[in-house]
Amino acid sequence: MDLHENLLPREKIERFGAQTLKNEELLALILGSGTRQCSVFELSRKLSKFLSEASTFPSMGDLLKISGLGRAKATKILACLELSARYILSDKTVSVSNPRDLVARLSNLKFEPQEHFVVISLDSANNIINVHDLTTGLVNQTQVHPREAFAKAIEDRAVSVIFAHNHPSGCTEPSPEDYGITRVLCAAGKVVQIPVIDHIVVGKRGFTSLCREHPEIFESCLP
C-alpha cells in the first residue's frame, strides 16, 4: 500500500505537496467538514464526481442540488473555482515542462460545445508567451491551415509551439484526422523553424498528448 494513503489530506499536502492529493482530498480540505448525515470525505467524493461530469461552469443552484452541500460550502467552492480560473487565465508567466502544466490553462476547452483549435507560443525557456484561438468548428471537427496556425507564433517571435484542441464528445482518443493535421503542422514548423513540440487533445475527463503517444511524429518533445 502507498504510504501516502495512510495520511490525512492536511498531512499529505504539508509533507508531499498539493500535486500529490486526489481531487476529493483537495475538496475535503476546502470544505473543512461534513454534516451529521455525510462525512467530509463522502461529500467531497460526491462533489468531485459532479464537477468531473459538469458540462458547464457550475452555478450556486447546481451545487445546492448536491445532498449535504449547504450554501456556505457551495460559496467556498464557487470562490475557489473563480479564483483559480483568474490566476490560470492571467498574464502571469507559466513555464511548461510537461503536458499537464498546460492542461490547466486549457481547462475552459472541455466545456466548449464545438471544437476549438488553439496554438500556444513558447519562448526559449518554454514559458508561455500567448494562447491564440485559431478556429472554431462543428461539434465533431475543425480545420486549420498551417499558414494561419503559425502566423500568431511568428508575431509572438515564438521559439516553439504546442497545438491543442478539444473533443466535445469528451473522448480524448486522437482521431486519424488529428494525426494527419499534426504531421502537416510539424512539417510546416520545420520550414518556418518553429518546431511543434506537442499536440494535446482535451476532453471532459482528461487529455491526451500526441507527443507522448507518438514522439516519432515530432521534431522534439517536452522533457
C-alpha atoms as a PDB file:
ATOM      1  CA  MET A   1       0.000   0.000   0.000  1.00  0.00           C
ATOM      2  CA  ASP A   2       1.189   3.541  -0.819  1.00  0.00           C
ATOM      3  CA  LEU A   3       2.313   5.264   2.383  1.00  0.00           C
ATOM      4  CA  HIS A   4       0.533   8.410   1.169  1.00  0.00           C
ATOM      5  CA  GLU A   5      -2.798   6.606   1.558  1.00  0.00           C
ATOM      6  CA  ASN A   6      -2.341   6.426   5.343  1.00  0.00           C
ATOM      7  CA  LEU A   7      -2.064  10.205   5.670  1.00  0.00           C
ATOM      8  CA  LEU A   8      -4.844  12.738   6.069  1.00  0.00           C
ATOM      9  CA  PRO A   9      -5.052  15.361   3.293  1.00  0.00           C
ATOM     10  CA  ARG A  10      -3.588  18.099   5.502  1.00  0.00           C
ATOM     11  CA  GLU A  11      -0.598  15.931   6.444  1.00  0.00           C
ATOM     12  CA  LYS A  12      -0.086  14.853   2.845  1.00  0.00           C
ATOM     13  CA  ILE A  13      -0.113  18.396   1.454  1.00  0.00           C
ATOM     14  CA  GLU A  14       2.380  19.550   4.093  1.00  0.00           C
ATOM     15  CA  ARG A  15       4.790  16.663   3.512  1.00  0.00           C
ATOM     16  CA  PHE A  16       4.491  15.987  -0.205  1.00  0.00           C
ATOM     17  CA  GLY A  17       2.779  18.980  -1.831  1.00  0.00           C
ATOM     18  CA  ALA A  18      -0.672  19.699  -3.251  1.00  0.00           C
ATOM     19  CA  GLN A  19       0.053  17.845  -6.506  1.00  0.00           C
ATOM     20  CA  THR A  20       0.027  14.500  -4.638  1.00  0.00           C
ATOM     21  CA  LEU A  21      -3.570  14.874  -3.455  1.00  0.00           C
ATOM     22  CA  LYS A  22      -6.533  13.367  -5.258  1.00  0.00           C
ATOM     23  CA  ASN A  23      -9.340  15.675  -6.329  1.00  0.00           C
ATOM     24  CA  GLU A  24     -11.606  14.569  -3.492  1.00  0.00           C
ATOM     25  CA  GLU A  25      -8.807  15.160  -0.963  1.00  0.00           C
ATOM     26  CA  LEU A  26      -8.314  18.723  -2.193  1.00  0.00           C
ATOM     27  CA  LEU A  27     -12.046  19.287  -1.988  1.00  0.00           C
ATOM     28  CA  ALA A  28     -12.137  17.849   1.548  1.00  0.00           C
ATOM     29  CA  LEU A  29      -9.549  20.446   2.606  1.00  0.00           C
ATOM     30  CA  ILE A  30     -11.622  23.244   1.075  1.00  0.00           C
ATOM     31  CA  LEU A  31     -14.896  22.019   2.596  1.00  0.00           C
ATOM     32  CA  GLY A  32     -13.299  21.559   6.021  1.00  0.00           C
ATOM     33  CA  SER A  33     -16.138  19.495   7.495  1.00  0.00           C
ATOM     34  CA  GLY A  34     -19.121  17.401   6.604  1.00  0.00           C
ATOM     35  CA  THR A  35     -22.564  17.151   8.147  1.00  0.00           C
ATOM     36  CA  ARG A  36     -24.190  14.799  10.657  1.00  0.00           C
ATOM     37  CA  GLN A  37     -25.501  12.714   7.798  1.00  0.00           C
ATOM     38  CA  CYS A  38     -22.472  12.963   5.484  1.00  0.00           C
ATOM     39  CA  SER A  39     -18.748  12.941   6.293  1.00  0.00           C
ATOM     40  CA  VAL A  40     -16.462  15.459   4.633  1.00  0.00           C
ATOM     41  CA  PHE A  41     -14.873  12.667   2.559  1.00  0.00           C
ATOM     42  CA  GLU A  42     -18.207  11.340   1.353  1.00  0.00           C
ATOM     43  CA  LEU A  43     -19.297  14.867   0.497  1.00  0.00           C
ATOM     44  CA  SER A  44     -16.053  15.588  -1.336  1.00  0.00           C
ATOM     45  CA  ARG A  45     -16.431  12.380  -3.384  1.00  0.00           C
ATOM     46  CA  LYS A  46     -19.929  13.413  -4.472  1.00  0.00           C
ATOM     47  CA  LEU A  47     -18.700  16.910  -5.310  1.00  0.00           C
ATOM     48  CA  SER A  48     -15.695  15.584  -7.242  1.00  0.00           C
ATOM     49  CA  LYS A  49     -17.954  13.332  -9.314  1.00  0.00           C
ATOM     50  CA  PHE A  50     -20.310  16.229 -10.032  1.00  0.00           C
ATOM     51  CA  LEU A  51     -17.513  18.584 -11.111  1.00  0.00           C
ATOM     52  CA  SER A  52     -15.838  15.967 -13.324  1.00  0.00           C
ATOM     53  CA  GLU A  53     -19.112  15.372 -15.178  1.00  0.00           C
ATOM     54  CA  ALA A  54     -20.209  19.023 -15.406  1.00  0.00           C
ATOM     55  CA  SER A  55     -20.632  20.326 -18.949  1.00  0.00           C
ATOM     56  CA  THR A  56     -20.720  24.000 -17.888  1.00  0.00           C
ATOM     57  CA  PHE A  57     -19.263  26.152 -15.122  1.00  0.00           C
ATOM     58  CA  PRO A  58     -21.416  25.312 -12.053  1.00  0.00           C
ATOM     59  CA  SER A  59     -23.805  27.821 -10.509  1.00  0.00           C
ATOM     60  CA  MET A  60     -24.887  28.162  -6.896  1.00  0.00           C
ATOM     61  CA  GLY A  61     -28.133  26.397  -7.775  1.00  0.00           C
ATOM     62  CA  ASP A  62     -26.238  23.495  -9.341  1.00  0.00           C
ATOM     63  CA  LEU A  63     -24.092  22.979  -6.248  1.00  0.00           C
ATOM     64  CA  LEU A  64     -27.008  23.214  -3.833  1.00  0.00           C
ATOM     65  CA  LYS A  65     -28.553  20.170  -5.529  1.00  0.00           C
ATOM     66  CA  ILE A  66     -25.745  18.053  -4.038  1.00  0.00           C
ATOM     67  CA  SER A  67     -27.043  16.459  -0.846  1.00  0.00           C
ATOM     68  CA  GLY A  68     -25.103  17.724   2.185  1.00  0.00           C
ATOM     69  CA  LEU A  69     -23.626  20.757   0.452  1.00  0.00           C
ATOM     70  CA  GLY A  70     -25.087  23.893   2.010  1.00  0.00           C
ATOM     71  CA  ARG A  71     -24.899  27.478   0.877  1.00  0.00           C
ATOM     72  CA  ALA A  72     -21.728  28.293   2.867  1.00  0.00           C
ATOM     73  CA  LYS A  73     -19.761  25.370   1.431  1.00  0.00           C
ATOM     74  CA  ALA A  74     -21.109  25.985  -2.091  1.00  0.00           C
ATOM     75  CA  THR A  75     -19.918  29.587  -1.818  1.00  0.00           C
ATOM     76  CA  LYS A  76     -16.411  28.375  -0.912  1.00  0.00           C
ATOM     77  CA  ILE A  77     -16.325  26.075  -3.929  1.00  0.00           C
ATOM     78  CA  LEU A  78     -17.501  28.802  -6.320  1.00  0.00           C
ATOM     79  CA  ALA A  79     -14.904  31.219  -4.914  1.00  0.00           C
ATOM     80  CA  CYS A  80     -12.102  28.652  -5.349  1.00  0.00           C
ATOM     81  CA  LEU A  81     -13.141  27.848  -8.926  1.00  0.00           C
ATOM     82  CA  GLU A  82     -13.343  31.512  -9.893  1.00  0.00           C
ATOM     83  CA  LEU A  83     -10.051  32.401  -8.214  1.00  0.00           C
ATOM     84  CA  SER A  84      -8.191  29.524  -9.855  1.00  0.00           C
ATOM     85  CA  ALA A  85      -9.623  30.495 -13.262  1.00  0.00           C
ATOM     86  CA  ARG A  86      -8.456  34.094 -12.803  1.00  0.00           C
ATOM     87  CA  TYR A  87      -4.909  33.053 -11.962  1.00  0.00           C
ATOM     88  CA  ILE A  88      -4.739  30.386 -14.656  1.00  0.00           C
ATOM     89  CA  LEU A  89      -6.003  32.798 -17.303  1.00  0.00           C
ATOM     90  CA  SER A  90      -3.910  35.731 -16.071  1.00  0.00           C
ATOM     91  CA  ASP A  91      -0.868  37.181 -17.786  1.00  0.00           C
ATOM     92  CA  LYS A  92       1.465  35.649 -15.208  1.00  0.00           C
ATOM     93  CA  THR A  93       4.356  33.724 -16.799  1.00  0.00           C
ATOM     94  CA  VAL A  94       3.751  29.982 -16.876  1.00  0.00           C
ATOM     95  CA  SER A  95       6.556  27.560 -17.663  1.00  0.00           C
ATOM     96  CA  VAL A  96       5.676  24.334 -19.447  1.00  0.00           C
ATOM     97  CA  SER A  97       7.800  21.311 -18.540  1.00  0.00           C
ATOM     98  CA  ASN A  98       5.228  18.601 -19.328  1.00  0.00           C
ATOM     99  CA  PRO A  99       1.767  18.435 -20.931  1.00  0.00           C
ATOM    100  CA  ARG A 100      -0.015  18.548 -17.567  1.00  0.00           C
ATOM    101  CA  ASP A 101       1.397  22.059 -16.943  1.00  0.00           C
ATOM    102  CA  LEU A 102      -0.616  23.252 -19.923  1.00  0.00           C
ATOM    103  CA  VAL A 103      -3.883  21.463 -19.287  1.00  0.00           C
ATOM    104  CA  ALA A 104      -4.946  23.868 -16.523  1.00  0.00           C
ATOM    105  CA  ARG A 105      -4.519  26.778 -18.946  1.00  0.00           C
ATOM    106  CA  LEU A 106      -6.742  24.954 -21.435  1.00  0.00           C
ATOM    107  CA  SER A 107      -9.361  23.753 -18.954  1.00  0.00           C
ATOM    108  CA  ASN A 108     -12.031  26.030 -20.444  1.00  0.00           C
ATOM    109  CA  LEU A 109     -11.938  23.963 -23.651  1.00  0.00           C
ATOM    110  CA  LYS A 110     -13.552  20.956 -22.010  1.00  0.00           C
ATOM    111  CA  PHE A 111     -16.839  22.865 -21.660  1.00  0.00           C
ATOM    112  CA  GLU A 112     -16.983  24.028 -25.299  1.00  0.00           C
ATOM    113  CA  PRO A 113     -19.821  22.512 -27.394  1.00  0.00           C
ATOM    114  CA  GLN A 114     -17.775  22.931 -30.595  1.00  0.00           C
ATOM    115  CA  GLU A 115     -14.199  22.054 -31.439  1.00  0.00           C
ATOM    116  CA  HIS A 116     -11.696  24.843 -30.841  1.00  0.00           C
ATOM    117  CA  PHE A 117      -8.161  24.683 -32.228  1.00  0.00           C
ATOM    118  CA  VAL A 118      -5.560  26.767 -30.377  1.00  0.00           C
ATOM    119  CA  VAL A 119      -1.846  27.438 -30.618  1.00  0.00           C
ATOM    120  CA  ILE A 120       0.365  28.084 -27.596  1.00  0.00           C
ATOM    121  CA  SER A 121       3.511  30.055 -28.370  1.00  0.00           C
ATOM    122  CA  LEU A 122       6.572  29.444 -26.192  1.00  0.00           C
ATOM    123  CA  ASP A 123       9.866  31.248 -25.629  1.00  0.00           C
ATOM    124  CA  SER A 124      13.314  29.650 -25.350  1.00  0.00           C
ATOM    125  CA  ALA A 125      12.668  28.685 -21.701  1.00  0.00           C
ATOM    126  CA  ASN A 126       9.310  27.062 -22.556  1.00  0.00           C
ATOM    127  CA  ASN A 127       7.440  29.939 -20.911  1.00  0.00           C
ATOM    128  CA  ILE A 128       4.007  30.621 -22.403  1.00  0.00           C
ATOM    129  CA  ILE A 129       4.033  33.806 -24.473  1.00  0.00           C
ATOM    130  CA  ASN A 130       0.402  33.621 -25.527  1.00  0.00           C
ATOM    131  CA  VAL A 131      -2.524  31.305 -26.244  1.00  0.00           C
ATOM    132  CA  HIS A 132      -4.349  32.016 -29.511  1.00  0.00           C
ATOM    133  CA  ASP A 133      -7.721  30.605 -30.589  1.00  0.00           C
ATOM    134  CA  LEU A 134      -7.254  29.741 -34.268  1.00  0.00           C
ATOM    135  CA  THR A 135     -10.512  28.197 -35.412  1.00  0.00           C
ATOM    136  CA  THR A 136     -13.926  27.125 -34.164  1.00  0.00           C
ATOM    137  CA  GLY A 137     -15.545  24.227 -35.971  1.00  0.00           C
ATOM    138  CA  LEU A 138     -18.547  21.956 -35.744  1.00  0.00           C
ATOM    139  CA  VAL A 139     -19.435  19.631 -32.882  1.00  0.00           C
ATOM    140  CA  ASN A 140     -17.052  16.983 -34.151  1.00  0.00           C
ATOM    141  CA  GLN A 141     -14.455  18.642 -36.378  1.00  0.00           C
ATOM    142  CA  THR A 142     -12.480  21.760 -37.111  1.00  0.00           C
ATOM    143  CA  GLN A 143      -9.979  22.713 -39.762  1.00  0.00           C
ATOM    144  CA  VAL A 144      -6.803  24.741 -39.534  1.00  0.00           C
ATOM    145  CA  HIS A 145      -4.384  25.803 -42.263  1.00  0.00           C
ATOM    146  CA  PRO A 146      -0.644  25.880 -41.499  1.00  0.00           C
ATOM    147  CA  ARG A 147      -0.476  29.490 -42.696  1.00  0.00           C
ATOM    148  CA  GLU A 148      -2.916  30.643 -40.012  1.00  0.00           C
ATOM    149  CA  ALA A 149      -1.515  28.188 -37.485  1.00  0.00           C
ATOM    150  CA  PHE A 150       1.933  29.781 -37.469  1.00  0.00           C
ATOM    151  CA  ALA A 151       1.010  33.418 -38.170  1.00  0.00           C
ATOM    152  CA  LYS A 152       0.416  34.230 -34.486  1.00  0.00           C
ATOM    153  CA  ALA A 153       3.502  32.297 -33.407  1.00  0.00           C
ATOM    154  CA  ILE A 154       5.625  34.347 -35.809  1.00  0.00           C
ATOM    155  CA  GLU A 155       4.096  37.564 -34.440  1.00  0.00           C
ATOM    156  CA  ASP A 156       4.972  36.385 -30.931  1.00  0.00           C
ATOM    157  CA  ARG A 157       8.533  35.533 -32.063  1.00  0.00           C
ATOM    158  CA  ALA A 158       7.939  32.091 -30.623  1.00  0.00           C
ATOM    159  CA  VAL A 159      10.788  29.588 -30.387  1.00  0.00           C
ATOM    160  CA  SER A 160       8.394  26.626 -30.386  1.00  0.00           C
ATOM    161  CA  VAL A 161       4.657  25.936 -30.298  1.00  0.00           C
ATOM    162  CA  ILE A 162       2.127  23.493 -28.903  1.00  0.00           C
ATOM    163  CA  PHE A 163      -1.223  22.943 -30.576  1.00  0.00           C
ATOM    164  CA  ALA A 164      -4.357  21.846 -28.748  1.00  0.00           C
ATOM    165  CA  HIS A 165      -7.988  21.213 -29.499  1.00  0.00           C
ATOM    166  CA  ASN A 166     -10.991  19.803 -27.678  1.00  0.00           C
ATOM    167  CA  HIS A 167     -13.314  16.904 -28.389  1.00  0.00           C
ATOM    168  CA  PRO A 168     -16.862  17.931 -27.373  1.00  0.00           C
ATOM    169  CA  SER A 169     -17.755  14.239 -27.179  1.00  0.00           C
ATOM    170  CA  GLY A 170     -15.498  14.008 -24.129  1.00  0.00           C
ATOM    171  CA  CYS A 171     -13.294  11.317 -25.666  1.00  0.00           C
ATOM    172  CA  THR A 172      -9.583  12.176 -25.737  1.00  0.00           C
ATOM    173  CA  GLU A 173      -8.614   9.457 -28.211  1.00  0.00           C
ATOM    174  CA  PRO A 174      -6.918  11.201 -31.197  1.00  0.00           C
ATOM    175  CA  SER A 175      -8.678  10.626 -34.500  1.00  0.00           C
ATOM    176  CA  PRO A 176      -6.915   9.779 -37.792  1.00  0.00           C
ATOM    177  CA  GLU A 177      -7.587  13.400 -38.807  1.00  0.00           C
ATOM    178  CA  ASP A 178      -5.837  14.595 -35.639  1.00  0.00           C
ATOM    179  CA  TYR A 179      -2.725  12.633 -36.556  1.00  0.00           C
ATOM    180  CA  GLY A 180      -2.918  13.857 -40.129  1.00  0.00           C
ATOM    181  CA  ILE A 181      -3.064  17.573 -39.265  1.00  0.00           C
ATOM    182  CA  THR A 182      -0.326  17.064 -36.662  1.00  0.00           C
ATOM    183  CA  ARG A 183       2.033  15.689 -39.307  1.00  0.00           C
ATOM    184  CA  VAL A 184       1.211  18.615 -41.604  1.00  0.00           C
ATOM    185  CA  LEU A 185       1.810  21.163 -38.835  1.00  0.00           C
ATOM    186  CA  CYS A 186       5.081  19.522 -37.783  1.00  0.00           C
ATOM    187  CA  ALA A 187       6.298  19.660 -41.386  1.00  0.00           C
ATOM    188  CA  ALA A 188       5.317  23.344 -41.624  1.00  0.00           C
ATOM    189  CA  GLY A 189       7.092  24.026 -38.331  1.00  0.00           C
ATOM    190  CA  LYS A 190      10.325  22.692 -39.778  1.00  0.00           C
ATOM    191  CA  VAL A 191      10.014  25.067 -42.739  1.00  0.00           C
ATOM    192  CA  VAL A 192       9.482  28.181 -40.586  1.00  0.00           C
ATOM    193  CA  GLN A 193      11.941  26.886 -37.933  1.00  0.00           C
ATOM    194  CA  ILE A 194       9.355  26.918 -35.150  1.00  0.00           C
ATOM    195  CA  PRO A 195       9.154  23.291 -34.034  1.00  0.00           C
ATOM    196  CA  VAL A 196       5.876  21.786 -32.862  1.00  0.00           C
ATOM    197  CA  ILE A 197       6.618  20.051 -29.554  1.00  0.00           C
ATOM    198  CA  ASP A 198       3.160  18.634 -28.817  1.00  0.00           C
ATOM    199  CA  HIS A 199      -0.477  18.454 -29.844  1.00  0.00           C
ATOM    200  CA  ILE A 200      -2.902  17.974 -26.946  1.00  0.00           C
ATOM    201  CA  VAL A 201      -6.466  16.672 -27.190  1.00  0.00           C
ATOM    202  CA  VAL A 202      -8.668  17.914 -24.337  1.00  0.00           C
ATOM    203  CA  GLY A 203     -11.833  16.185 -23.165  1.00  0.00           C
ATOM    204  CA  LYS A 204     -14.201  16.455 -20.212  1.00  0.00           C
ATOM    205  CA  ARG A 205     -12.303  13.841 -18.203  1.00  0.00           C
ATOM    206  CA  GLY A 206      -8.693  14.393 -19.177  1.00  0.00           C
ATOM    207  CA  PHE A 207      -6.313  14.877 -22.056  1.00  0.00           C
ATOM    208  CA  THR A 208      -4.037  13.016 -24.456  1.00  0.00           C
ATOM    209  CA  SER A 209      -0.591  14.186 -25.515  1.00  0.00           C
ATOM    210  CA  LEU A 210       0.135  13.063 -29.062  1.00  0.00           C
ATOM    211  CA  CYS A 211       3.840  13.581 -28.417  1.00  0.00           C
ATOM    212  CA  ARG A 212       3.703  11.126 -25.510  1.00  0.00           C
ATOM    213  CA  GLU A 213       1.767   8.644 -27.642  1.00  0.00           C
ATOM    214  CA  HIS A 214       3.783   9.026 -30.869  1.00  0.00           C
ATOM    215  CA  PRO A 215       7.000  11.019 -30.299  1.00  0.00           C
ATOM    216  CA  GLU A 216       8.314   9.982 -33.724  1.00  0.00           C
ATOM    217  CA  ILE A 217       5.916  12.478 -35.348  1.00  0.00           C
ATOM    218  CA  PHE A 218       7.600  15.425 -33.629  1.00  0.00           C
ATOM    219  CA  GLU A 219      10.986  17.036 -34.174  1.00  0.00           C
ATOM    220  CA  SER A 220      11.339  17.440 -30.401  1.00  0.00           C
ATOM    221  CA  CYS A 221       9.103  16.922 -27.365  1.00  0.00           C
ATOM    222  CA  LEU A 222       8.696  18.297 -23.884  1.00  0.00           C
ATOM    223  CA  PRO A 223      11.240  16.735 -21.478  1.00  0.00           C
END
